[in-house]
Amino acid sequence: MILAIFLLLVSRLYYLQFMEGASYRQDAEENRLQTLPLPAARGAILDRDGEILARNVPAFNVTITPALLPEDPEDVLNIYNRLAGLVDVPATRAVAEASGRTNQRSIDELVRTGEGVAPFRPVVIATDVEIDVALQIEEEKTSLPGVDVDVRSVREYPTGPLTSQIVGYIGPIGPDEAEELRELGYDTSFDFIGYAGIERFFESVISGQRGQETWEVDVAGERPAPDR
């Protein structure tokens, strides 16, 4: 009887170590690594003579990392209100409705959506802000936990109003389109789409292919500090 139990334990240990070991190691590796999407480089738009109608240029974007915000909702709202005054984005849905900006997503909505997808991934709440706004945010960083200024590419239209109705424009995904585009594979907290003209009509062609980056994270899902 004792021998039978011993053999059973040995066989079980063998199975766990050699048969299931590879699976466990793979699961552990996947839990240790965090893969996040990178924005796609949207294609340029040129006329038949090669003149640029739309292109990407570097600019200052304001981001919020949901997981780094304070736990107190009142403190979070104070941060949103401060940013709203700097970047002209409504702090909450109530403010957006009251100001008649019904199809513009509020800071709170953008952050909540991003938090549900990847809480440690920065969520863009404002693009192409003026340099003085970017510097002001940097100066107030200690009182704005979770907020950062990132340098990314934004859309520029060199011909301006001359071709604006033909070329169109891009912007963050609004609440009216969010559900439908989410089903099509869009990340509503991350992606920008064309809203008029060529930008909208050829969205599937010029939107580009999103990349990704992989980070090593600790047991809490956070990226270790460089000296760790």
C-alpha atoms as a PDB file:
ATOM      1  CA  MET A   1       0.000   0.000   0.000  1.00  0.00           C
ATOM      2  CA  ILE A   2       2.772   2.409   0.969  1.00  0.00           C
ATOM      3  CA  LEU A   3       4.695   1.486  -2.180  1.00  0.00           C
ATOM      4  CA  ALA A   4       1.639   2.182  -4.324  1.00  0.00           C
ATOM      5  CA  ILE A   5       1.184   5.634  -2.765  1.00  0.00           C
ATOM      6  CA  PHE A   6       4.894   6.369  -3.239  1.00  0.00           C
ATOM      7  CA  LEU A   7       4.754   5.371  -6.907  1.00  0.00           C
ATOM      8  CA  LEU A   8       1.649   7.500  -7.379  1.00  0.00           C
ATOM      9  CA  LEU A   9       3.393  10.555  -5.902  1.00  0.00           C
ATOM     10  CA  VAL A  10       6.488   9.995  -8.031  1.00  0.00           C
ATOM     11  CA  SER A  11       4.423   9.680 -11.195  1.00  0.00           C
ATOM     12  CA  ARG A  12       2.511  12.840 -10.325  1.00  0.00           C
ATOM     13  CA  LEU A  13       5.707  14.802  -9.686  1.00  0.00           C
ATOM     14  CA  TYR A  14       7.143  13.551 -12.965  1.00  0.00           C
ATOM     15  CA  TYR A  15       4.015  14.665 -14.808  1.00  0.00           C
ATOM     16  CA  LEU A  16       4.030  18.134 -13.232  1.00  0.00           C
ATOM     17  CA  GLN A  17       7.740  18.701 -13.769  1.00  0.00           C
ATOM     18  CA  PHE A  18       8.257  17.304 -17.241  1.00  0.00           C
ATOM     19  CA  MET A  19       4.852  17.128 -18.887  1.00  0.00           C
ATOM     20  CA  GLU A  20       3.249  20.314 -17.549  1.00  0.00           C
ATOM     21  CA  GLY A  21       6.447  22.222 -16.762  1.00  0.00           C
ATOM     22  CA  ALA A  22       6.702  23.831 -20.183  1.00  0.00           C
ATOM     23  CA  SER A  23       3.112  25.059 -19.967  1.00  0.00           C
ATOM     24  CA  TYR A  24       3.668  26.554 -16.504  1.00  0.00           C
ATOM     25  CA  ARG A  25       6.867  28.255 -17.638  1.00  0.00           C
ATOM     26  CA  GLN A  26       5.055  29.750 -20.615  1.00  0.00           C
ATOM     27  CA  ASP A  27       2.250  31.057 -18.391  1.00  0.00           C
ATOM     28  CA  ALA A  28       4.778  32.593 -15.999  1.00  0.00           C
ATOM     29  CA  GLU A  29       6.609  34.255 -18.886  1.00  0.00           C
ATOM     30  CA  GLU A  30       3.367  35.719 -20.248  1.00  0.00           C
ATOM     31  CA  ASN A  31       2.469  37.091 -16.811  1.00  0.00           C
ATOM     32  CA  ARG A  32       5.925  38.677 -16.488  1.00  0.00           C
ATOM     33  CA  LEU A  33       5.732  40.488 -19.824  1.00  0.00           C
ATOM     34  CA  GLN A  34       3.318  43.263 -20.741  1.00  0.00           C
ATOM     35  CA  THR A  35       2.664  44.049 -24.393  1.00  0.00           C
ATOM     36  CA  LEU A  36       1.210  47.451 -25.258  1.00  0.00           C
ATOM     37  CA  PRO A  37       0.209  48.870 -28.651  1.00  0.00           C
ATOM     38  CA  LEU A  38       2.098  51.658 -30.389  1.00  0.00           C
ATOM     39  CA  PRO A  39       0.287  54.178 -32.574  1.00  0.00           C
ATOM     40  CA  ALA A  40       0.409  53.555 -36.301  1.00  0.00           C
ATOM     41  CA  ALA A  41       2.082  56.092 -38.561  1.00  0.00           C
ATOM     42  CA  ARG A  42      -0.818  57.450 -40.607  1.00  0.00           C
ATOM     43  CA  GLY A  43      -0.099  57.719 -44.307  1.00  0.00           C
ATOM     44  CA  ALA A  44       0.579  61.083 -45.925  1.00  0.00           C
ATOM     45  CA  ILE A  45      -1.895  62.524 -48.433  1.00  0.00           C
ATOM     46  CA  LEU A  46      -0.542  64.115 -51.623  1.00  0.00           C
ATOM     47  CA  ASP A  47      -2.226  65.640 -54.644  1.00  0.00           C
ATOM     48  CA  ARG A  48      -1.489  64.500 -58.195  1.00  0.00           C
ATOM     49  CA  ASP A  49       1.419  66.953 -58.429  1.00  0.00           C
ATOM     50  CA  GLY A  50       3.061  65.569 -55.300  1.00  0.00           C
ATOM     51  CA  GLU A  51       2.127  68.497 -53.061  1.00  0.00           C
ATOM     52  CA  ILE A  52       1.599  67.414 -49.459  1.00  0.00           C
ATOM     53  CA  LEU A  53      -1.966  67.864 -48.230  1.00  0.00           C
ATOM     54  CA  ALA A  54      -1.622  65.969 -44.938  1.00  0.00           C
ATOM     55  CA  ARG A  55       1.402  64.680 -43.041  1.00  0.00           C
ATOM     56  CA  ASN A  56       2.614  63.715 -39.579  1.00  0.00           C
ATOM     57  CA  VAL A  57       4.754  66.105 -37.511  1.00  0.00           C
ATOM     58  CA  PRO A  58       6.108  65.820 -33.951  1.00  0.00           C
ATOM     59  CA  ALA A  59       4.093  67.569 -31.238  1.00  0.00           C
ATOM     60  CA  PHE A  60       3.433  67.638 -27.502  1.00  0.00           C
ATOM     61  CA  ASN A  61       0.630  65.372 -26.287  1.00  0.00           C
ATOM     62  CA  VAL A  62      -0.753  65.269 -22.749  1.00  0.00           C
ATOM     63  CA  THR A  63      -1.281  61.799 -21.281  1.00  0.00           C
ATOM     64  CA  ILE A  64      -2.682  60.272 -18.105  1.00  0.00           C
ATOM     65  CA  THR A  65      -1.686  56.854 -16.764  1.00  0.00           C
ATOM     66  CA  PRO A  66      -4.834  55.602 -14.959  1.00  0.00           C
ATOM     67  CA  ALA A  67      -2.987  53.371 -12.491  1.00  0.00           C
ATOM     68  CA  LEU A  68      -0.867  56.292 -11.277  1.00  0.00           C
ATOM     69  CA  LEU A  69      -3.776  58.574 -10.370  1.00  0.00           C
ATOM     70  CA  PRO A  70      -4.607  59.189  -6.680  1.00  0.00           C
ATOM     71  CA  GLU A  71      -7.075  56.852  -4.971  1.00  0.00           C
ATOM     72  CA  ASP A  72      -9.257  59.711  -3.721  1.00  0.00           C
ATOM     73  CA  PRO A  73     -11.897  60.540  -6.408  1.00  0.00           C
ATOM     74  CA  GLU A  74     -11.907  64.183  -5.325  1.00  0.00           C
ATOM     75  CA  ASP A  75      -8.167  64.458  -5.943  1.00  0.00           C
ATOM     76  CA  VAL A  76      -8.641  62.858  -9.354  1.00  0.00           C
ATOM     77  CA  LEU A  77     -11.394  65.325 -10.245  1.00  0.00           C
ATOM     78  CA  ASN A  78      -9.151  68.216  -9.201  1.00  0.00           C
ATOM     79  CA  ILE A  79      -6.505  66.947 -11.618  1.00  0.00           C
ATOM     80  CA  TYR A  80      -9.062  66.666 -14.420  1.00  0.00           C
ATOM     81  CA  ASN A  81     -10.357  70.170 -13.760  1.00  0.00           C
ATOM     82  CA  ARG A  82      -6.857  71.618 -13.770  1.00  0.00           C
ATOM     83  CA  LEU A  83      -6.011  69.905 -17.049  1.00  0.00           C
ATOM     84  CA  ALA A  84      -9.330  70.935 -18.583  1.00  0.00           C
ATOM     85  CA  GLY A  85      -8.371  74.556 -18.013  1.00  0.00           C
ATOM     86  CA  LEU A  86      -5.030  74.013 -19.717  1.00  0.00           C
ATOM     87  CA  VAL A  87      -5.894  71.831 -22.708  1.00  0.00           C
ATOM     88  CA  ASP A  88      -9.537  72.767 -23.422  1.00  0.00           C
ATOM     89  CA  VAL A  89     -10.947  69.253 -22.993  1.00  0.00           C
ATOM     90  CA  PRO A  90     -14.034  68.844 -20.754  1.00  0.00           C
ATOM     91  CA  ALA A  91     -13.227  67.231 -17.421  1.00  0.00           C
ATOM     92  CA  THR A  92     -16.381  65.093 -17.225  1.00  0.00           C
ATOM     93  CA  ARG A  93     -19.343  64.052 -19.340  1.00  0.00           C
ATOM     94  CA  ALA A  94     -21.565  66.467 -17.415  1.00  0.00           C
ATOM     95  CA  VAL A  95     -19.311  69.385 -18.371  1.00  0.00           C
ATOM     96  CA  ALA A  96     -19.232  68.244 -22.006  1.00  0.00           C
ATOM     97  CA  GLU A  97     -23.036  68.087 -22.128  1.00  0.00           C
ATOM     98  CA  ALA A  98     -23.445  71.445 -20.410  1.00  0.00           C
ATOM     99  CA  SER A  99     -21.078  73.115 -22.875  1.00  0.00           C
ATOM    100  CA  GLY A 100     -22.719  71.579 -25.945  1.00  0.00           C
ATOM    101  CA  ARG A 101     -19.714  69.376 -26.788  1.00  0.00           C
ATOM    102  CA  THR A 102     -21.758  66.184 -26.840  1.00  0.00           C
ATOM    103  CA  ASN A 103     -19.553  64.251 -29.258  1.00  0.00           C
ATOM    104  CA  GLN A 104     -16.300  65.115 -27.520  1.00  0.00           C
ATOM    105  CA  ARG A 105     -15.091  62.567 -25.004  1.00  0.00           C
ATOM    106  CA  SER A 106     -14.238  63.995 -21.610  1.00  0.00           C
ATOM    107  CA  ILE A 107     -10.988  63.433 -19.734  1.00  0.00           C
ATOM    108  CA  ASP A 108     -12.830  61.179 -17.297  1.00  0.00           C
ATOM    109  CA  GLU A 109     -14.282  59.043 -20.108  1.00  0.00           C
ATOM    110  CA  LEU A 110     -10.946  58.698 -21.878  1.00  0.00           C
ATOM    111  CA  VAL A 111      -9.209  57.624 -18.677  1.00  0.00           C
ATOM    112  CA  ARG A 112     -11.954  55.168 -17.686  1.00  0.00           C
ATOM    113  CA  THR A 113     -11.805  53.503 -21.091  1.00  0.00           C
ATOM    114  CA  GLY A 114      -8.021  53.265 -20.943  1.00  0.00           C
ATOM    115  CA  GLU A 115      -8.123  51.927 -17.401  1.00  0.00           C
ATOM    116  CA  GLY A 116     -10.346  49.066 -18.506  1.00  0.00           C
ATOM    117  CA  VAL A 117      -7.929  48.098 -21.284  1.00  0.00           C
ATOM    118  CA  ALA A 118      -4.476  48.608 -19.749  1.00  0.00           C
ATOM    119  CA  PRO A 119      -4.281  50.706 -16.557  1.00  0.00           C
ATOM    120  CA  PHE A 120      -0.522  51.229 -16.816  1.00  0.00           C
ATOM    121  CA  ARG A 121      -0.667  52.478 -20.392  1.00  0.00           C
ATOM    122  CA  PRO A 122      -0.724  56.279 -20.848  1.00  0.00           C
ATOM    123  CA  VAL A 123      -3.982  57.596 -22.301  1.00  0.00           C
ATOM    124  CA  VAL A 124      -3.752  60.596 -24.630  1.00  0.00           C
ATOM    125  CA  ILE A 125      -6.209  63.287 -23.523  1.00  0.00           C
ATOM    126  CA  ALA A 126      -4.940  66.200 -25.634  1.00  0.00           C
ATOM    127  CA  THR A 127      -2.789  66.428 -28.740  1.00  0.00           C
ATOM    128  CA  ASP A 128      -0.572  69.106 -30.221  1.00  0.00           C
ATOM    129  CA  VAL A 129      -0.675  71.408 -27.200  1.00  0.00           C
ATOM    130  CA  GLU A 130       1.303  74.642 -27.214  1.00  0.00           C
ATOM    131  CA  ILE A 131       4.800  74.497 -25.776  1.00  0.00           C
ATOM    132  CA  ASP A 132       3.892  76.884 -22.959  1.00  0.00           C
ATOM    133  CA  VAL A 133       1.094  74.505 -21.898  1.00  0.00           C
ATOM    134  CA  ALA A 134       3.495  71.570 -21.986  1.00  0.00           C
ATOM    135  CA  LEU A 135       5.992  73.484 -19.846  1.00  0.00           C
ATOM    136  CA  GLN A 136       3.263  74.519 -17.391  1.00  0.00           C
ATOM    137  CA  ILE A 137       2.246  70.894 -16.916  1.00  0.00           C
ATOM    138  CA  GLU A 138       5.866  69.892 -16.400  1.00  0.00           C
ATOM    139  CA  GLU A 139       6.202  72.577 -13.716  1.00  0.00           C
ATOM    140  CA  GLU A 140       3.120  71.251 -11.916  1.00  0.00           C
ATOM    141  CA  LYS A 141       4.032  67.563 -12.198  1.00  0.00           C
ATOM    142  CA  THR A 142       4.277  67.086  -8.418  1.00  0.00           C
ATOM    143  CA  SER A 143       0.620  68.100  -8.018  1.00  0.00           C
ATOM    144  CA  LEU A 144      -0.511  66.177 -11.104  1.00  0.00           C
ATOM    145  CA  PRO A 145       0.356  62.514 -10.411  1.00  0.00           C
ATOM    146  CA  GLY A 146      -0.226  60.263 -13.403  1.00  0.00           C
ATOM    147  CA  VAL A 147      -0.019  63.170 -15.858  1.00  0.00           C
ATOM    148  CA  ASP A 148       2.786  63.430 -18.382  1.00  0.00           C
ATOM    149  CA  VAL A 149       3.769  65.239 -21.559  1.00  0.00           C
ATOM    150  CA  ASP A 150       4.738  62.973 -24.426  1.00  0.00           C
ATOM    151  CA  VAL A 151       6.253  63.813 -27.806  1.00  0.00           C
ATOM    152  CA  ARG A 152       4.325  62.050 -30.556  1.00  0.00           C
ATOM    153  CA  SER A 153       3.287  62.719 -34.123  1.00  0.00           C
ATOM    154  CA  VAL A 154       0.142  64.666 -34.974  1.00  0.00           C
ATOM    155  CA  ARG A 155      -1.576  65.467 -38.240  1.00  0.00           C
ATOM    156  CA  GLU A 156      -0.652  68.665 -40.075  1.00  0.00           C
ATOM    157  CA  TYR A 157      -2.408  70.135 -43.096  1.00  0.00           C
ATOM    158  CA  PRO A 158       0.032  72.493 -44.891  1.00  0.00           C
ATOM    159  CA  THR A 159      -2.594  73.847 -47.292  1.00  0.00           C
ATOM    160  CA  GLY A 160      -4.911  74.830 -44.420  1.00  0.00           C
ATOM    161  CA  PRO A 161      -8.492  75.938 -45.181  1.00  0.00           C
ATOM    162  CA  LEU A 162      -7.795  75.814 -48.914  1.00  0.00           C
ATOM    163  CA  THR A 163      -8.316  72.044 -49.063  1.00  0.00           C
ATOM    164  CA  SER A 164      -9.774  71.299 -45.625  1.00  0.00           C
ATOM    165  CA  GLN A 165     -13.197  70.226 -46.906  1.00  0.00           C
ATOM    166  CA  ILE A 166     -11.621  67.814 -49.369  1.00  0.00           C
ATOM    167  CA  VAL A 167      -8.864  66.417 -47.155  1.00  0.00           C
ATOM    168  CA  GLY A 168     -10.896  66.317 -43.925  1.00  0.00           C
ATOM    169  CA  TYR A 169      -9.418  65.879 -40.464  1.00  0.00           C
ATOM    170  CA  ILE A 170      -8.788  63.273 -37.763  1.00  0.00           C
ATOM    171  CA  GLY A 171      -9.629  63.132 -34.069  1.00  0.00           C
ATOM    172  CA  PRO A 172     -10.154  60.775 -31.118  1.00  0.00           C
ATOM    173  CA  ILE A 173     -13.022  58.313 -31.326  1.00  0.00           C
ATOM    174  CA  GLY A 174     -16.201  59.918 -29.991  1.00  0.00           C
ATOM    175  CA  PRO A 175     -18.861  58.173 -27.889  1.00  0.00           C
ATOM    176  CA  ASP A 176     -21.234  57.922 -30.873  1.00  0.00           C
ATOM    177  CA  GLU A 177     -18.783  55.736 -32.813  1.00  0.00           C
ATOM    178  CA  ALA A 178     -17.063  53.960 -29.919  1.00  0.00           C
ATOM    179  CA  GLU A 179     -19.110  50.751 -29.752  1.00  0.00           C
ATOM    180  CA  GLU A 180     -19.155  50.122 -33.494  1.00  0.00           C
ATOM    181  CA  LEU A 181     -15.436  50.793 -33.948  1.00  0.00           C
ATOM    182  CA  ARG A 182     -14.524  48.690 -30.918  1.00  0.00           C
ATOM    183  CA  GLU A 183     -16.168  45.728 -32.661  1.00  0.00           C
ATOM    184  CA  LEU A 184     -14.005  46.448 -35.717  1.00  0.00           C
ATOM    185  CA  GLY A 185     -10.834  46.175 -33.637  1.00  0.00           C
ATOM    186  CA  TYR A 186     -10.216  49.832 -32.844  1.00  0.00           C
ATOM    187  CA  ASP A 187      -8.889  50.821 -29.435  1.00  0.00           C
ATOM    188  CA  THR A 188     -11.259  53.625 -28.433  1.00  0.00           C
ATOM    189  CA  SER A 189      -8.872  54.994 -25.815  1.00  0.00           C
ATOM    190  CA  PHE A 190      -5.933  55.043 -28.176  1.00  0.00           C
ATOM    191  CA  ASP A 191      -6.792  55.315 -31.875  1.00  0.00           C
ATOM    192  CA  PHE A 192      -7.635  58.369 -33.958  1.00  0.00           C
ATOM    193  CA  ILE A 193      -9.897  58.188 -37.010  1.00  0.00           C
ATOM    194  CA  GLY A 194     -10.752  60.321 -40.023  1.00  0.00           C
ATOM    195  CA  TYR A 195     -13.900  62.399 -39.639  1.00  0.00           C
ATOM    196  CA  ALA A 196     -14.361  63.976 -43.058  1.00  0.00           C
ATOM    197  CA  GLY A 197     -13.082  64.060 -46.625  1.00  0.00           C
ATOM    198  CA  ILE A 198     -10.211  61.838 -47.713  1.00  0.00           C
ATOM    199  CA  GLU A 199      -9.217  61.157 -44.109  1.00  0.00           C
ATOM    200  CA  ARG A 200     -12.559  59.441 -43.533  1.00  0.00           C
ATOM    201  CA  PHE A 201     -13.190  57.905 -46.962  1.00  0.00           C
ATOM    202  CA  PHE A 202      -9.769  56.204 -47.077  1.00  0.00           C
ATOM    203  CA  GLU A 203      -9.555  55.476 -43.334  1.00  0.00           C
ATOM    204  CA  SER A 204      -8.832  51.778 -43.871  1.00  0.00           C
ATOM    205  CA  VAL A 205      -6.025  52.590 -46.319  1.00  0.00           C
ATOM    206  CA  ILE A 206      -4.122  55.402 -44.598  1.00  0.00           C
ATOM    207  CA  SER A 207      -4.711  54.496 -40.944  1.00  0.00           C
ATOM    208  CA  GLY A 208      -1.540  52.393 -40.907  1.00  0.00           C
ATOM    209  CA  GLN A 209      -0.742  49.255 -38.948  1.00  0.00           C
ATOM    210  CA  ARG A 210      -0.384  49.523 -35.194  1.00  0.00           C
ATOM    211  CA  GLY A 211       2.857  48.276 -33.646  1.00  0.00           C
ATOM    212  CA  GLN A 212       3.569  47.028 -30.149  1.00  0.00           C
ATOM    213  CA  GLU A 213       6.155  47.181 -27.397  1.00  0.00           C
ATOM    214  CA  THR A 214       6.820  44.615 -24.679  1.00  0.00           C
ATOM    215  CA  TRP A 215       7.888  45.496 -21.135  1.00  0.00           C
ATOM    216  CA  GLU A 216       8.903  43.360 -18.200  1.00  0.00           C
ATOM    217  CA  VAL A 217       6.617  43.982 -15.216  1.00  0.00           C
ATOM    218  CA  ASP A 218       6.585  42.985 -11.549  1.00  0.00           C
ATOM    219  CA  VAL A 219       3.890  40.996  -9.722  1.00  0.00           C
ATOM    220  CA  ALA A 220       1.722  44.121  -9.428  1.00  0.00           C
ATOM    221  CA  GLY A 221       1.858  44.680 -13.184  1.00  0.00           C
ATOM    222  CA  GLU A 222       4.135  47.715 -12.858  1.00  0.00           C
ATOM    223  CA  ARG A 223       7.327  48.363 -14.767  1.00  0.00           C
ATOM    224  CA  PRO A 224      10.338  48.041 -12.459  1.00  0.00           C
ATOM    225  CA  ALA A 225      12.431  51.138 -11.907  1.00  0.00           C
ATOM    226  CA  PRO A 226      15.670  51.199 -13.952  1.00  0.00           C
ATOM    227  CA  ASP A 227      17.846  50.475 -10.900  1.00  0.00           C
ATOM    228  CA  ARG A 228      15.856  47.427  -9.839  1.00  0.00           C
END
